[in-house]
Amino acid sequence: MKVNVRIFGDLATILGRKQIVELKQDATVATLTNAIAERAGLKRQGYLGNYKVGGDDLAILVNGKNIHLLDSTETALQDGDEVVILPPTAGG
């Protein structure tokens, strides 16, 4: 299955702004973020840059819904889903 990923903020410089990620059918948000991190050469599982996946400082939306309102990092993904990754904004 293919999932569309859009990444914003300082993570976009590390991971790229837009990606289509191919995953196995039983993939979750955790599976996706680990695949993105691996693709970018990041070694720390469960993190994107300095941000903990599933933590309070990183917003991840699946089809417009925050994963904290779903099943957190165990949210199941479907073919064609759109995932948006938003680190906190800088400045005031």
PDB file of N, CA and C in Angstrom:
ATOM      1  N   MET A   1       0.835  -1.172   0.000  1.00  0.00           N
ATOM      2  CA  MET A   1       0.000   0.000   0.000  1.00  0.00           C
ATOM      3  C   MET A   1       0.879   1.234   0.000  1.00  0.00           C
ATOM      4  N   LYS A   2       0.327   2.339  -0.487  1.00  0.00           N
ATOM      5  CA  LYS A   2       1.068   3.594  -0.543  1.00  0.00           C
ATOM      6  C   LYS A   2       0.384   4.642   0.323  1.00  0.00           C
ATOM      7  N   VAL A   3       1.217   5.371   1.088  1.00  0.00           N
ATOM      8  CA  VAL A   3       0.736   6.416   1.988  1.00  0.00           C
ATOM      9  C   VAL A   3       1.419   7.719   1.581  1.00  0.00           C
ATOM     10  N   ASN A   4       0.642   8.786   1.465  1.00  0.00           N
ATOM     11  CA  ASN A   4       1.177  10.115   1.144  1.00  0.00           C
ATOM     12  C   ASN A   4       1.571  10.806   2.440  1.00  0.00           C
ATOM     13  N   VAL A   5       2.792  11.316   2.483  1.00  0.00           N
ATOM     14  CA  VAL A   5       3.300  11.958   3.698  1.00  0.00           C
ATOM     15  C   VAL A   5       3.728  13.383   3.365  1.00  0.00           C
ATOM     16  N   ARG A   6       3.264  14.333   4.170  1.00  0.00           N
ATOM     17  CA  ARG A   6       3.698  15.726   4.068  1.00  0.00           C
ATOM     18  C   ARG A   6       4.356  16.106   5.389  1.00  0.00           C
ATOM     19  N   ILE A   7       5.523  16.723   5.291  1.00  0.00           N
ATOM     20  CA  ILE A   7       6.312  17.048   6.474  1.00  0.00           C
ATOM     21  C   ILE A   7       6.596  18.549   6.472  1.00  0.00           C
ATOM     22  N   PHE A   8       6.467  19.181   7.622  1.00  0.00           N
ATOM     23  CA  PHE A   8       6.632  20.623   7.732  1.00  0.00           C
ATOM     24  C   PHE A   8       7.727  20.972   8.738  1.00  0.00           C
ATOM     25  N   GLY A   9       8.058  22.259   8.784  1.00  0.00           N
ATOM     26  CA  GLY A   9       9.005  22.782   9.770  1.00  0.00           C
ATOM     27  C   GLY A   9      10.419  22.297   9.538  1.00  0.00           C
ATOM     28  N   ASP A  10      11.189  22.273  10.623  1.00  0.00           N
ATOM     29  CA  ASP A  10      12.595  21.896  10.510  1.00  0.00           C
ATOM     30  C   ASP A  10      12.783  20.438  10.104  1.00  0.00           C
ATOM     31  N   LEU A  11      11.781  19.595  10.301  1.00  0.00           N
ATOM     32  CA  LEU A  11      11.902  18.204   9.869  1.00  0.00           C
ATOM     33  C   LEU A  11      11.914  18.071   8.347  1.00  0.00           C
ATOM     34  N   ALA A  12      11.311  19.033   7.657  1.00  0.00           N
ATOM     35  CA  ALA A  12      11.280  18.979   6.198  1.00  0.00           C
ATOM     36  C   ALA A  12      12.683  19.048   5.603  1.00  0.00           C
ATOM     37  N   THR A  13      13.601  19.757   6.252  1.00  0.00           N
ATOM     38  CA  THR A  13      14.968  19.837   5.738  1.00  0.00           C
ATOM     39  C   THR A  13      15.713  18.518   5.925  1.00  0.00           C
ATOM     40  N   ILE A  14      15.331  17.762   6.935  1.00  0.00           N
ATOM     41  CA  ILE A  14      15.971  16.471   7.209  1.00  0.00           C
ATOM     42  C   ILE A  14      15.321  15.353   6.398  1.00  0.00           C
ATOM     43  N   LEU A  15      13.989  15.366   6.349  1.00  0.00           N
ATOM     44  CA  LEU A  15      13.241  14.234   5.791  1.00  0.00           C
ATOM     45  C   LEU A  15      12.665  14.489   4.398  1.00  0.00           C
ATOM     46  N   GLY A  16      12.610  15.744   3.988  1.00  0.00           N
ATOM     47  CA  GLY A  16      11.954  16.087   2.727  1.00  0.00           C
ATOM     48  C   GLY A  16      10.525  16.532   3.002  1.00  0.00           C
ATOM     49  N   ARG A  17       9.972  17.329   2.100  1.00  0.00           N
ATOM     50  CA  ARG A  17       8.636  17.886   2.324  1.00  0.00           C
ATOM     51  C   ARG A  17       7.510  16.917   1.994  1.00  0.00           C
ATOM     52  N   LYS A  18       7.686  16.151   0.950  1.00  0.00           N
ATOM     53  CA  LYS A  18       6.621  15.263   0.490  1.00  0.00           C
ATOM     54  C   LYS A  18       7.201  13.917   0.110  1.00  0.00           C
ATOM     55  N   GLN A  19       6.508  12.869   0.479  1.00  0.00           N
ATOM     56  CA  GLN A  19       6.959  11.526   0.140  1.00  0.00           C
ATOM     57  C   GLN A  19       5.752  10.638  -0.099  1.00  0.00           C
ATOM     58  N   ILE A  20       5.948   9.647  -0.912  1.00  0.00           N
ATOM     59  CA  ILE A  20       4.993   8.550  -1.003  1.00  0.00           C
ATOM     60  C   ILE A  20       5.755   7.340  -0.475  1.00  0.00           C
ATOM     61  N   VAL A  21       5.236   6.746   0.588  1.00  0.00           N
ATOM     62  CA  VAL A  21       5.926   5.640   1.242  1.00  0.00           C
ATOM     63  C   VAL A  21       5.130   4.369   1.004  1.00  0.00           C
ATOM     64  N   GLU A  22       5.816   3.353   0.552  1.00  0.00           N
ATOM     65  CA  GLU A  22       5.180   2.062   0.327  1.00  0.00           C
ATOM     66  C   GLU A  22       5.397   1.189   1.563  1.00  0.00           C
ATOM     67  N   LEU A  23       4.292   0.652   2.082  1.00  0.00           N
ATOM     68  CA  LEU A  23       4.318  -0.139   3.319  1.00  0.00           C
ATOM     69  C   LEU A  23       3.535  -1.431   3.136  1.00  0.00           C
ATOM     70  N   LYS A  24       3.743  -2.352   4.064  1.00  0.00           N
ATOM     71  CA  LYS A  24       2.944  -3.582   4.079  1.00  0.00           C
ATOM     72  C   LYS A  24       1.529  -3.268   4.556  1.00  0.00           C
ATOM     73  N   GLN A  25       0.602  -4.146   4.276  1.00  0.00           N
ATOM     74  CA  GLN A  25      -0.815  -3.929   4.572  1.00  0.00           C
ATOM     75  C   GLN A  25      -1.130  -3.666   6.039  1.00  0.00           C
ATOM     76  N   ASP A  26      -0.412  -4.240   6.971  1.00  0.00           N
ATOM     77  CA  ASP A  26      -0.728  -4.092   8.394  1.00  0.00           C
ATOM     78  C   ASP A  26       0.070  -2.954   9.059  1.00  0.00           C
ATOM     79  N   ALA A  27       0.468  -1.970   8.284  1.00  0.00           N
ATOM     80  CA  ALA A  27       1.327  -0.894   8.794  1.00  0.00           C
ATOM     81  C   ALA A  27       0.573   0.041   9.735  1.00  0.00           C
ATOM     82  N   THR A  28       1.335   0.607  10.657  1.00  0.00           N
ATOM     83  CA  THR A  28       0.829   1.584  11.617  1.00  0.00           C
ATOM     84  C   THR A  28       1.620   2.878  11.461  1.00  0.00           C
ATOM     85  N   VAL A  29       1.245   3.889  12.215  1.00  0.00           N
ATOM     86  CA  VAL A  29       1.991   5.142  12.219  1.00  0.00           C
ATOM     87  C   VAL A  29       3.433   4.886  12.664  1.00  0.00           C
ATOM     88  N   ALA A  30       3.629   4.018  13.642  1.00  0.00           N
ATOM     89  CA  ALA A  30       4.989   3.694  14.098  1.00  0.00           C
ATOM     90  C   ALA A  30       5.803   3.068  12.971  1.00  0.00           C
ATOM     91  N   THR A  31       5.196   2.170  12.214  1.00  0.00           N
ATOM     92  CA  THR A  31       5.877   1.544  11.077  1.00  0.00           C
ATOM     93  C   THR A  31       6.284   2.606  10.065  1.00  0.00           C
ATOM     94  N   LEU A  32       5.368   3.519   9.784  1.00  0.00           N
ATOM     95  CA  LEU A  32       5.626   4.582   8.814  1.00  0.00           C
ATOM     96  C   LEU A  32       6.764   5.492   9.274  1.00  0.00           C
ATOM     97  N   THR A  33       6.703   5.958  10.507  1.00  0.00           N
ATOM     98  CA  THR A  33       7.730   6.893  10.971  1.00  0.00           C
ATOM     99  C   THR A  33       9.096   6.225  11.045  1.00  0.00           C
ATOM    100  N   ASN A  34       9.137   4.945  11.393  1.00  0.00           N
ATOM    101  CA  ASN A  34      10.411   4.219  11.387  1.00  0.00           C
ATOM    102  C   ASN A  34      10.956   4.097   9.969  1.00  0.00           C
ATOM    103  N   ALA A  35      10.082   3.860   8.991  1.00  0.00           N
ATOM    104  CA  ALA A  35      10.506   3.764   7.587  1.00  0.00           C
ATOM    105  C   ALA A  35      11.038   5.105   7.090  1.00  0.00           C
ATOM    106  N   ILE A  36      10.368   6.196   7.454  1.00  0.00           N
ATOM    107  CA  ILE A  36      10.818   7.530   7.048  1.00  0.00           C
ATOM    108  C   ILE A  36      12.176   7.842   7.672  1.00  0.00           C
ATOM    109  N   ALA A  37      12.336   7.540   8.951  1.00  0.00           N
ATOM    110  CA  ALA A  37      13.600   7.794   9.648  1.00  0.00           C
ATOM    111  C   ALA A  37      14.730   6.979   9.021  1.00  0.00           C
ATOM    112  N   GLU A  38      14.456   5.716   8.740  1.00  0.00           N
ATOM    113  CA  GLU A  38      15.472   4.849   8.143  1.00  0.00           C
ATOM    114  C   GLU A  38      15.875   5.371   6.765  1.00  0.00           C
ATOM    115  N   ARG A  39      14.893   5.788   5.993  1.00  0.00           N
ATOM    116  CA  ARG A  39      15.145   6.324   4.647  1.00  0.00           C
ATOM    117  C   ARG A  39      16.041   7.557   4.708  1.00  0.00           C
ATOM    118  N   ALA A  40      15.907   8.358   5.772  1.00  0.00           N
ATOM    119  CA  ALA A  40      16.699   9.580   5.935  1.00  0.00           C
ATOM    120  C   ALA A  40      18.041   9.316   6.615  1.00  0.00           C
ATOM    121  N   GLY A  41      18.299   8.065   6.996  1.00  0.00           N
ATOM    122  CA  GLY A  41      19.561   7.730   7.644  1.00  0.00           C
ATOM    123  C   GLY A  41      19.578   7.978   9.140  1.00  0.00           C
ATOM    124  N   LEU A  42      18.406   8.194   9.726  1.00  0.00           N
ATOM    125  CA  LEU A  42      18.323   8.396  11.175  1.00  0.00           C
ATOM    126  C   LEU A  42      18.291   7.034  11.856  1.00  0.00           C
ATOM    127  N   LYS A  43      19.031   6.889  12.922  1.00  0.00           N
ATOM    128  CA  LYS A  43      19.188   5.581  13.549  1.00  0.00           C
ATOM    129  C   LYS A  43      18.312   5.353  14.775  1.00  0.00           C
ATOM    130  N   ARG A  44      17.828   6.418  15.390  1.00  0.00           N
ATOM    131  CA  ARG A  44      17.071   6.303  16.643  1.00  0.00           C
ATOM    132  C   ARG A  44      15.619   5.924  16.365  1.00  0.00           C
ATOM    133  N   GLN A  45      15.226   4.718  16.731  1.00  0.00           N
ATOM    134  CA  GLN A  45      13.858   4.258  16.542  1.00  0.00           C
ATOM    135  C   GLN A  45      12.916   5.035  17.457  1.00  0.00           C
ATOM    136  N   GLY A  46      11.745   5.380  16.927  1.00  0.00           N
ATOM    137  CA  GLY A  46      10.761   6.090  17.721  1.00  0.00           C
ATOM    138  C   GLY A  46      10.938   7.594  17.734  1.00  0.00           C
ATOM    139  N   TYR A  47      11.901   8.095  16.961  1.00  0.00           N
ATOM    140  CA  TYR A  47      12.165   9.527  16.893  1.00  0.00           C
ATOM    141  C   TYR A  47      12.268   9.969  15.441  1.00  0.00           C
ATOM    142  N   LEU A  48      11.835  11.186  15.178  1.00  0.00           N
ATOM    143  CA  LEU A  48      12.096  11.863  13.913  1.00  0.00           C
ATOM    144  C   LEU A  48      12.900  13.099  14.266  1.00  0.00           C
ATOM    145  N   GLY A  49      14.157  13.108  13.928  1.00  0.00           N
ATOM    146  CA  GLY A  49      15.053  14.172  14.390  1.00  0.00           C
ATOM    147  C   GLY A  49      15.135  14.102  15.899  1.00  0.00           C
ATOM    148  N   ASN A  50      14.868  15.222  16.552  1.00  0.00           N
ATOM    149  CA  ASN A  50      14.886  15.258  18.017  1.00  0.00           C
ATOM    150  C   ASN A  50      13.509  15.061  18.631  1.00  0.00           C
ATOM    151  N   TYR A  51      12.521  14.772  17.810  1.00  0.00           N
ATOM    152  CA  TYR A  51      11.139  14.687  18.282  1.00  0.00           C
ATOM    153  C   TYR A  51      10.713  13.240  18.482  1.00  0.00           C
ATOM    154  N   LYS A  52      10.173  12.954  19.654  1.00  0.00           N
ATOM    155  CA  LYS A  52       9.672  11.610  19.947  1.00  0.00           C
ATOM    156  C   LYS A  52       8.326  11.414  19.252  1.00  0.00           C
ATOM    157  N   VAL A  53       8.250  10.374  18.459  1.00  0.00           N
ATOM    158  CA  VAL A  53       7.003  10.043  17.768  1.00  0.00           C
ATOM    159  C   VAL A  53       5.989   9.609  18.820  1.00  0.00           C
ATOM    160  N   GLY A  54       4.832  10.217  18.799  1.00  0.00           N
ATOM    161  CA  GLY A  54       3.818   9.920  19.806  1.00  0.00           C
ATOM    162  C   GLY A  54       3.937  10.792  21.037  1.00  0.00           C
ATOM    163  N   GLY A  55       4.993  11.597  21.097  1.00  0.00           N
ATOM    164  CA  GLY A  55       5.168  12.514  22.224  1.00  0.00           C
ATOM    165  C   GLY A  55       4.343  13.770  22.035  1.00  0.00           C
ATOM    166  N   ASP A  56       4.374  14.636  23.023  1.00  0.00           N
ATOM    167  CA  ASP A  56       3.574  15.864  23.000  1.00  0.00           C
ATOM    168  C   ASP A  56       4.135  16.941  22.085  1.00  0.00           C
ATOM    169  N   ASP A  57       5.415  16.828  21.708  1.00  0.00           N
ATOM    170  CA  ASP A  57       6.023  17.909  20.939  1.00  0.00           C
ATOM    171  C   ASP A  57       5.938  17.718  19.423  1.00  0.00           C
ATOM    172  N   LEU A  58       5.281  16.674  18.953  1.00  0.00           N
ATOM    173  CA  LEU A  58       5.168  16.401  17.523  1.00  0.00           C
ATOM    174  C   LEU A  58       3.726  16.027  17.203  1.00  0.00           C
ATOM    175  N   ALA A  59       3.105  16.792  16.313  1.00  0.00           N
ATOM    176  CA  ALA A  59       1.731  16.481  15.906  1.00  0.00           C
ATOM    177  C   ALA A  59       1.764  15.643  14.635  1.00  0.00           C
ATOM    178  N   ILE A  60       1.071  14.519  14.674  1.00  0.00           N
ATOM    179  CA  ILE A  60       0.944  13.666  13.499  1.00  0.00           C
ATOM    180  C   ILE A  60      -0.538  13.486  13.224  1.00  0.00           C
ATOM    181  N   LEU A  61      -0.933  13.828  12.006  1.00  0.00           N
ATOM    182  CA  LEU A  61      -2.331  13.732  11.595  1.00  0.00           C
ATOM    183  C   LEU A  61      -2.480  12.657  10.535  1.00  0.00           C
ATOM    184  N   VAL A  62      -3.501  11.827  10.683  1.00  0.00           N
ATOM    185  CA  VAL A  62      -3.851  10.837   9.665  1.00  0.00           C
ATOM    186  C   VAL A  62      -5.207  11.239   9.119  1.00  0.00           C
ATOM    187  N   ASN A  63      -5.219  11.592   7.850  1.00  0.00           N
ATOM    188  CA  ASN A  63      -6.447  12.068   7.204  1.00  0.00           C
ATOM    189  C   ASN A  63      -7.111  13.191   8.003  1.00  0.00           C
ATOM    190  N   GLY A  64      -6.273  14.099   8.537  1.00  0.00           N
ATOM    191  CA  GLY A  64      -6.779  15.270   9.246  1.00  0.00           C
ATOM    192  C   GLY A  64      -7.067  15.068  10.717  1.00  0.00           C
ATOM    193  N   LYS A  65      -6.883  13.861  11.238  1.00  0.00           N
ATOM    194  CA  LYS A  65      -7.149  13.610  12.662  1.00  0.00           C
ATOM    195  C   LYS A  65      -5.847  13.333  13.406  1.00  0.00           C
ATOM    196  N   ASN A  66      -5.687  14.002  14.541  1.00  0.00           N
ATOM    197  CA  ASN A  66      -4.501  13.805  15.365  1.00  0.00           C
ATOM    198  C   ASN A  66      -4.469  12.368  15.873  1.00  0.00           C
ATOM    199  N   ILE A  67      -3.292  11.735  15.813  1.00  0.00           N
ATOM    200  CA  ILE A  67      -3.196  10.331  16.242  1.00  0.00           C
ATOM    201  C   ILE A  67      -3.499  10.167  17.728  1.00  0.00           C
ATOM    202  N   HIS A  68      -3.396  11.247  18.520  1.00  0.00           N
ATOM    203  CA  HIS A  68      -3.733  11.152  19.943  1.00  0.00           C
ATOM    204  C   HIS A  68      -5.238  10.946  20.143  1.00  0.00           C
ATOM    205  N   LEU A  69      -6.031  11.285  19.119  1.00  0.00           N
ATOM    206  CA  LEU A  69      -7.473  11.050  19.185  1.00  0.00           C
ATOM    207  C   LEU A  69      -7.837   9.693  18.585  1.00  0.00           C
ATOM    208  N   LEU A  70      -6.853   9.022  18.017  1.00  0.00           N
ATOM    209  CA  LEU A  70      -7.050   7.696  17.422  1.00  0.00           C
ATOM    210  C   LEU A  70      -6.347   6.677  18.320  1.00  0.00           C
ATOM    211  N   ASP A  71      -5.493   5.847  17.753  1.00  0.00           N
ATOM    212  CA  ASP A  71      -4.773   4.832  18.526  1.00  0.00           C
ATOM    213  C   ASP A  71      -3.297   5.160  18.682  1.00  0.00           C
ATOM    214  N   SER A  72      -2.983   6.446  18.745  1.00  0.00           N
ATOM    215  CA  SER A  72      -1.617   6.939  18.890  1.00  0.00           C
ATOM    216  C   SER A  72      -0.719   6.338  17.806  1.00  0.00           C
ATOM    217  N   THR A  73       0.461   5.874  18.162  1.00  0.00           N
ATOM    218  CA  THR A  73       1.386   5.354  17.147  1.00  0.00           C
ATOM    219  C   THR A  73       0.948   4.005  16.595  1.00  0.00           C
ATOM    220  N   GLU A  74      -0.030   3.381  17.206  1.00  0.00           N
ATOM    221  CA  GLU A  74      -0.555   2.102  16.713  1.00  0.00           C
ATOM    222  C   GLU A  74      -1.751   2.294  15.775  1.00  0.00           C
ATOM    223  N   THR A  75      -2.017   3.539  15.381  1.00  0.00           N
ATOM    224  CA  THR A  75      -3.085   3.818  14.422  1.00  0.00           C
ATOM    225  C   THR A  75      -2.793   3.092  13.120  1.00  0.00           C
ATOM    226  N   ALA A  76      -3.739   2.282  12.673  1.00  0.00           N
ATOM    227  CA  ALA A  76      -3.579   1.524  11.427  1.00  0.00           C
ATOM    228  C   ALA A  76      -3.703   2.452  10.227  1.00  0.00           C
ATOM    229  N   LEU A  77      -2.887   2.192   9.232  1.00  0.00           N
ATOM    230  CA  LEU A  77      -2.910   2.975   7.999  1.00  0.00           C
ATOM    231  C   LEU A  77      -3.528   2.160   6.872  1.00  0.00           C
ATOM    232  N   GLN A  78      -4.149   2.871   5.938  1.00  0.00           N
ATOM    233  CA  GLN A  78      -4.784   2.248   4.778  1.00  0.00           C
ATOM    234  C   GLN A  78      -4.161   2.829   3.505  1.00  0.00           C
ATOM    235  N   ASP A  79      -4.296   2.109   2.414  1.00  0.00           N
ATOM    236  CA  ASP A  79      -3.799   2.576   1.130  1.00  0.00           C
ATOM    237  C   ASP A  79      -4.425   3.934   0.799  1.00  0.00           C
ATOM    238  N   GLY A  80      -3.582   4.901   0.423  1.00  0.00           N
ATOM    239  CA  GLY A  80      -4.064   6.225   0.043  1.00  0.00           C
ATOM    240  C   GLY A  80      -4.215   7.211   1.186  1.00  0.00           C
ATOM    241  N   ASP A  81      -3.942   6.795   2.428  1.00  0.00           N
ATOM    242  CA  ASP A  81      -4.031   7.722   3.561  1.00  0.00           C
ATOM    243  C   ASP A  81      -3.046   8.870   3.382  1.00  0.00           C
ATOM    244  N   GLU A  82      -3.411  10.024   3.964  1.00  0.00           N
ATOM    245  CA  GLU A  82      -2.493  11.157   3.995  1.00  0.00           C
ATOM    246  C   GLU A  82      -2.062  11.379   5.439  1.00  0.00           C
ATOM    247  N   VAL A  83      -0.756  11.399   5.638  1.00  0.00           N
ATOM    248  CA  VAL A  83      -0.188  11.621   6.967  1.00  0.00           C
ATOM    249  C   VAL A  83       0.578  12.934   6.930  1.00  0.00           C
ATOM    250  N   VAL A  84       0.290  13.802   7.884  1.00  0.00           N
ATOM    251  CA  VAL A  84       0.959  15.096   8.000  1.00  0.00           C
ATOM    252  C   VAL A  84       1.748  15.090   9.308  1.00  0.00           C
ATOM    253  N   ILE A  85       3.009  15.491   9.224  1.00  0.00           N
ATOM    254  CA  ILE A  85       3.878  15.535  10.401  1.00  0.00           C
ATOM    255  C   ILE A  85       4.267  16.983  10.644  1.00  0.00           C
ATOM    256  N   LEU A  86       3.908  17.479  11.850  1.00  0.00           N
ATOM    257  CA  LEU A  86       4.103  18.882  12.200  1.00  0.00           C
ATOM    258  C   LEU A  86       4.908  19.015  13.493  1.00  0.00           C
ATOM    259  N   PRO A  87       6.152  19.459  13.409  1.00  0.00           N
ATOM    260  CA  PRO A  87       6.882  19.766  14.632  1.00  0.00           C
ATOM    261  C   PRO A  87       6.389  21.098  15.179  1.00  0.00           C
ATOM    262  N   PRO A  88       6.737  21.425  16.421  1.00  0.00           N
ATOM    263  CA  PRO A  88       6.295  22.715  16.971  1.00  0.00           C
ATOM    264  C   PRO A  88       6.884  23.859  16.168  1.00  0.00           C
ATOM    265  N   THR A  89       6.160  24.957  16.116  1.00  0.00           N
ATOM    266  CA  THR A  89       6.660  26.120  15.387  1.00  0.00           C
ATOM    267  C   THR A  89       7.619  26.899  16.260  1.00  0.00           C
ATOM    268  N   ALA A  90       8.528  27.588  15.616  1.00  0.00           N
ATOM    269  CA  ALA A  90       9.499  28.405  16.341  1.00  0.00           C
ATOM    270  C   ALA A  90       9.068  29.861  16.260  1.00  0.00           C
ATOM    271  N   GLY A  91       9.409  30.609  17.254  1.00  0.00           N
ATOM    272  CA  GLY A  91       9.115  32.031  17.216  1.00  0.00           C
ATOM    273  C   GLY A  91       7.815  32.364  17.943  1.00  0.00           C
ATOM    274  N   GLY A  92       7.355  33.573  17.805  1.00  0.00           N
ATOM    275  CA  GLY A  92       6.192  33.993  18.558  1.00  0.00           C
ATOM    276  C   GLY A  92       5.246  34.627  17.676  1.00  0.00           C
TER     277      GLY A  92
END
